[in-house]
Amino acid sequence: MSKFEIPKNFDYKNVNILKQFITETGKIIPARVNGISASNQRKLT
């Protein structure tokens, strides 16, 4: 079970969703920290 869920219509322009996965300095939070699957983590990069 992941802490966050990525919706099926995930888009890089949806800032509200991206804020959940990015630190204050703009770095992407690692999958082991945010708990999402590897395939969803690849969608973030």
PDB file of N, CA and C in Angstrom:
ATOM      1  N   MET A   1       0.844  -1.179   0.000  1.00  0.00           N
ATOM      2  CA  MET A   1       0.000   0.000   0.000  1.00  0.00           C
ATOM      3  C   MET A   1       0.885   1.236   0.000  1.00  0.00           C
ATOM      4  N   SER A   2       0.596   2.153  -0.874  1.00  0.00           N
ATOM      5  CA  SER A   2       1.423   3.346  -0.977  1.00  0.00           C
ATOM      6  C   SER A   2       0.827   4.499  -0.182  1.00  0.00           C
ATOM      7  N   LYS A   3       1.679   5.412   0.182  1.00  0.00           N
ATOM      8  CA  LYS A   3       1.228   6.607   0.893  1.00  0.00           C
ATOM      9  C   LYS A   3       0.460   7.517  -0.046  1.00  0.00           C
ATOM     10  N   PHE A   4       0.894   7.577  -1.292  1.00  0.00           N
ATOM     11  CA  PHE A   4       0.278   8.438  -2.287  1.00  0.00           C
ATOM     12  C   PHE A   4      -0.197   7.599  -3.453  1.00  0.00           C
ATOM     13  N   GLU A   5      -1.228   8.060  -4.106  1.00  0.00           N
ATOM     14  CA  GLU A   5      -1.744   7.375  -5.285  1.00  0.00           C
ATOM     15  C   GLU A   5      -1.634   8.315  -6.479  1.00  0.00           C
ATOM     16  N   ILE A   6      -1.115   7.803  -7.576  1.00  0.00           N
ATOM     17  CA  ILE A   6      -1.043   8.582  -8.803  1.00  0.00           C
ATOM     18  C   ILE A   6      -2.288   8.253  -9.619  1.00  0.00           C
ATOM     19  N   PRO A   7      -3.066   9.261 -10.006  1.00  0.00           N
ATOM     20  CA  PRO A   7      -4.271   8.986 -10.795  1.00  0.00           C
ATOM     21  C   PRO A   7      -3.915   8.462 -12.184  1.00  0.00           C
ATOM     22  N   LYS A   8      -4.875   7.810 -12.813  1.00  0.00           N
ATOM     23  CA  LYS A   8      -4.636   7.225 -14.130  1.00  0.00           C
ATOM     24  C   LYS A   8      -4.364   8.295 -15.183  1.00  0.00           C
ATOM     25  N   ASN A   9      -4.954   9.463 -15.018  1.00  0.00           N
ATOM     26  CA  ASN A   9      -4.749  10.534 -15.987  1.00  0.00           C
ATOM     27  C   ASN A   9      -3.644  11.489 -15.529  1.00  0.00           C
ATOM     28  N   PHE A  10      -2.572  10.925 -14.993  1.00  0.00           N
ATOM     29  CA  PHE A  10      -1.446  11.706 -14.490  1.00  0.00           C
ATOM     30  C   PHE A  10      -0.814  12.502 -15.620  1.00  0.00           C
ATOM     31  N   ASP A  11      -0.560  13.787 -15.355  1.00  0.00           N
ATOM     32  CA  ASP A  11       0.025  14.663 -16.353  1.00  0.00           C
ATOM     33  C   ASP A  11       1.061  15.550 -15.683  1.00  0.00           C
ATOM     34  N   TYR A  12       2.130  15.828 -16.357  1.00  0.00           N
ATOM     35  CA  TYR A  12       3.189  16.646 -15.775  1.00  0.00           C
ATOM     36  C   TYR A  12       2.742  18.081 -15.524  1.00  0.00           C
ATOM     37  N   LYS A  13       1.626  18.494 -16.117  1.00  0.00           N
ATOM     38  CA  LYS A  13       1.132  19.855 -15.925  1.00  0.00           C
ATOM     39  C   LYS A  13       0.257  19.994 -14.688  1.00  0.00           C
ATOM     40  N   ASN A  14      -0.092  18.899 -14.033  1.00  0.00           N
ATOM     41  CA  ASN A  14      -0.935  18.937 -12.841  1.00  0.00           C
ATOM     42  C   ASN A  14      -0.053  19.197 -11.618  1.00  0.00           C
ATOM     43  N   VAL A  15       0.064  20.453 -11.248  1.00  0.00           N
ATOM     44  CA  VAL A  15       0.980  20.869 -10.188  1.00  0.00           C
ATOM     45  C   VAL A  15       0.554  20.338  -8.829  1.00  0.00           C
ATOM     46  N   ASN A  16      -0.730  20.241  -8.571  1.00  0.00           N
ATOM     47  CA  ASN A  16      -1.205  19.783  -7.265  1.00  0.00           C
ATOM     48  C   ASN A  16      -0.758  18.356  -6.965  1.00  0.00           C
ATOM     49  N   ILE A  17      -0.728  17.503  -7.961  1.00  0.00           N
ATOM     50  CA  ILE A  17      -0.269  16.127  -7.766  1.00  0.00           C
ATOM     51  C   ILE A  17       1.250  16.096  -7.622  1.00  0.00           C
ATOM     52  N   LEU A  18       1.947  16.863  -8.444  1.00  0.00           N
ATOM     53  CA  LEU A  18       3.410  16.863  -8.403  1.00  0.00           C
ATOM     54  C   LEU A  18       3.958  17.372  -7.077  1.00  0.00           C
ATOM     55  N   LYS A  19       3.253  18.272  -6.431  1.00  0.00           N
ATOM     56  CA  LYS A  19       3.709  18.806  -5.141  1.00  0.00           C
ATOM     57  C   LYS A  19       3.857  17.711  -4.094  1.00  0.00           C
ATOM     58  N   GLN A  20       3.090  16.649  -4.200  1.00  0.00           N
ATOM     59  CA  GLN A  20       3.152  15.551  -3.237  1.00  0.00           C
ATOM     60  C   GLN A  20       4.446  14.757  -3.364  1.00  0.00           C
ATOM     61  N   PHE A  21       5.090  14.814  -4.522  1.00  0.00           N
ATOM     62  CA  PHE A  21       6.238  13.965  -4.801  1.00  0.00           C
ATOM     63  C   PHE A  21       7.543  14.737  -4.942  1.00  0.00           C
ATOM     64  N   ILE A  22       7.521  16.043  -4.676  1.00  0.00           N
ATOM     65  CA  ILE A  22       8.708  16.875  -4.840  1.00  0.00           C
ATOM     66  C   ILE A  22       9.004  17.600  -3.537  1.00  0.00           C
ATOM     67  N   THR A  23      10.288  17.675  -3.180  1.00  0.00           N
ATOM     68  CA  THR A  23      10.699  18.368  -1.959  1.00  0.00           C
ATOM     69  C   THR A  23      10.605  19.876  -2.159  1.00  0.00           C
ATOM     70  N   GLU A  24      10.848  20.608  -1.084  1.00  0.00           N
ATOM     71  CA  GLU A  24      10.814  22.069  -1.159  1.00  0.00           C
ATOM     72  C   GLU A  24      11.905  22.618  -2.069  1.00  0.00           C
ATOM     73  N   THR A  25      12.982  21.866  -2.213  1.00  0.00           N
ATOM     74  CA  THR A  25      14.080  22.300  -3.078  1.00  0.00           C
ATOM     75  C   THR A  25      13.899  21.856  -4.526  1.00  0.00           C
ATOM     76  N   GLY A  26      12.825  21.129  -4.835  1.00  0.00           N
ATOM     77  CA  GLY A  26      12.516  20.733  -6.201  1.00  0.00           C
ATOM     78  C   GLY A  26      13.000  19.362  -6.602  1.00  0.00           C
ATOM     79  N   LYS A  27      13.502  18.585  -5.663  1.00  0.00           N
ATOM     80  CA  LYS A  27      13.974  17.237  -5.979  1.00  0.00           C
ATOM     81  C   LYS A  27      12.832  16.232  -5.832  1.00  0.00           C
ATOM     82  N   ILE A  28      12.866  15.189  -6.664  1.00  0.00           N
ATOM     83  CA  ILE A  28      11.847  14.145  -6.600  1.00  0.00           C
ATOM     84  C   ILE A  28      12.130  13.250  -5.399  1.00  0.00           C
ATOM     85  N   ILE A  29      11.095  12.972  -4.614  1.00  0.00           N
ATOM     86  CA  ILE A  29      11.228  12.120  -3.433  1.00  0.00           C
ATOM     87  C   ILE A  29      11.416  10.674  -3.897  1.00  0.00           C
ATOM     88  N   PRO A  30      12.363   9.927  -3.325  1.00  0.00           N
ATOM     89  CA  PRO A  30      12.596   8.538  -3.737  1.00  0.00           C
ATOM     90  C   PRO A  30      11.379   7.640  -3.494  1.00  0.00           C
ATOM     91  N   ALA A  31      11.263   6.587  -4.292  1.00  0.00           N
ATOM     92  CA  ALA A  31      10.132   5.665  -4.183  1.00  0.00           C
ATOM     93  C   ALA A  31      10.098   4.976  -2.831  1.00  0.00           C
ATOM     94  N   ARG A  32      11.262   4.693  -2.256  1.00  0.00           N
ATOM     95  CA  ARG A  32      11.280   4.023  -0.948  1.00  0.00           C
ATOM     96  C   ARG A  32      10.726   4.924   0.146  1.00  0.00           C
ATOM     97  N   VAL A  33      10.755   6.237  -0.065  1.00  0.00           N
ATOM     98  CA  VAL A  33      10.234   7.180   0.924  1.00  0.00           C
ATOM     99  C   VAL A  33       8.745   7.427   0.707  1.00  0.00           C
ATOM    100  N   ASN A  34       8.341   7.685  -0.545  1.00  0.00           N
ATOM    101  CA  ASN A  34       6.939   8.021  -0.791  1.00  0.00           C
ATOM    102  C   ASN A  34       6.055   6.798  -0.970  1.00  0.00           C
ATOM    103  N   GLY A  35       6.641   5.620  -1.162  1.00  0.00           N
ATOM    104  CA  GLY A  35       5.873   4.383  -1.162  1.00  0.00           C
ATOM    105  C   GLY A  35       5.145   4.039  -2.442  1.00  0.00           C
ATOM    106  N   ILE A  36       5.453   4.694  -3.556  1.00  0.00           N
ATOM    107  CA  ILE A  36       4.779   4.342  -4.800  1.00  0.00           C
ATOM    108  C   ILE A  36       5.554   3.250  -5.519  1.00  0.00           C
ATOM    109  N   SER A  37       4.906   2.616  -6.477  1.00  0.00           N
ATOM    110  CA  SER A  37       5.538   1.511  -7.196  1.00  0.00           C
ATOM    111  C   SER A  37       6.607   2.037  -8.152  1.00  0.00           C
ATOM    112  N   ALA A  38       7.437   1.134  -8.632  1.00  0.00           N
ATOM    113  CA  ALA A  38       8.524   1.515  -9.534  1.00  0.00           C
ATOM    114  C   ALA A  38       7.991   2.090 -10.841  1.00  0.00           C
ATOM    115  N   SER A  39       6.915   1.526 -11.355  1.00  0.00           N
ATOM    116  CA  SER A  39       6.365   2.039 -12.614  1.00  0.00           C
ATOM    117  C   SER A  39       5.805   3.447 -12.441  1.00  0.00           C
ATOM    118  N   ASN A  40       5.163   3.702 -11.315  1.00  0.00           N
ATOM    119  CA  ASN A  40       4.660   5.051 -11.066  1.00  0.00           C
ATOM    120  C   ASN A  40       5.793   6.030 -10.798  1.00  0.00           C
ATOM    121  N   GLN A  41       6.864   5.567 -10.179  1.00  0.00           N
ATOM    122  CA  GLN A  41       8.018   6.429  -9.940  1.00  0.00           C
ATOM    123  C   GLN A  41       8.643   6.856 -11.270  1.00  0.00           C
ATOM    124  N   ARG A  42       8.671   5.954 -12.243  1.00  0.00           N
ATOM    125  CA  ARG A  42       9.218   6.298 -13.557  1.00  0.00           C
ATOM    126  C   ARG A  42       8.361   7.342 -14.256  1.00  0.00           C
ATOM    127  N   LYS A  43       7.063   7.348 -14.001  1.00  0.00           N
ATOM    128  CA  LYS A  43       6.191   8.352 -14.608  1.00  0.00           C
ATOM    129  C   LYS A  43       6.504   9.753 -14.094  1.00  0.00           C
ATOM    130  N   LEU A  44       7.049   9.836 -12.891  1.00  0.00           N
ATOM    131  CA  LEU A  44       7.377  11.136 -12.316  1.00  0.00           C
ATOM    132  C   LEU A  44       8.630  11.741 -12.924  1.00  0.00           C
ATOM    133  N   THR A  45       9.530  10.898 -13.444  1.00  0.00           N
ATOM    134  CA  THR A  45      10.803  11.411 -13.952  1.00  0.00           C
ATOM    135  C   THR A  45      10.730  11.768 -15.412  1.00  0.00           C
TER     136      THR A  45
END
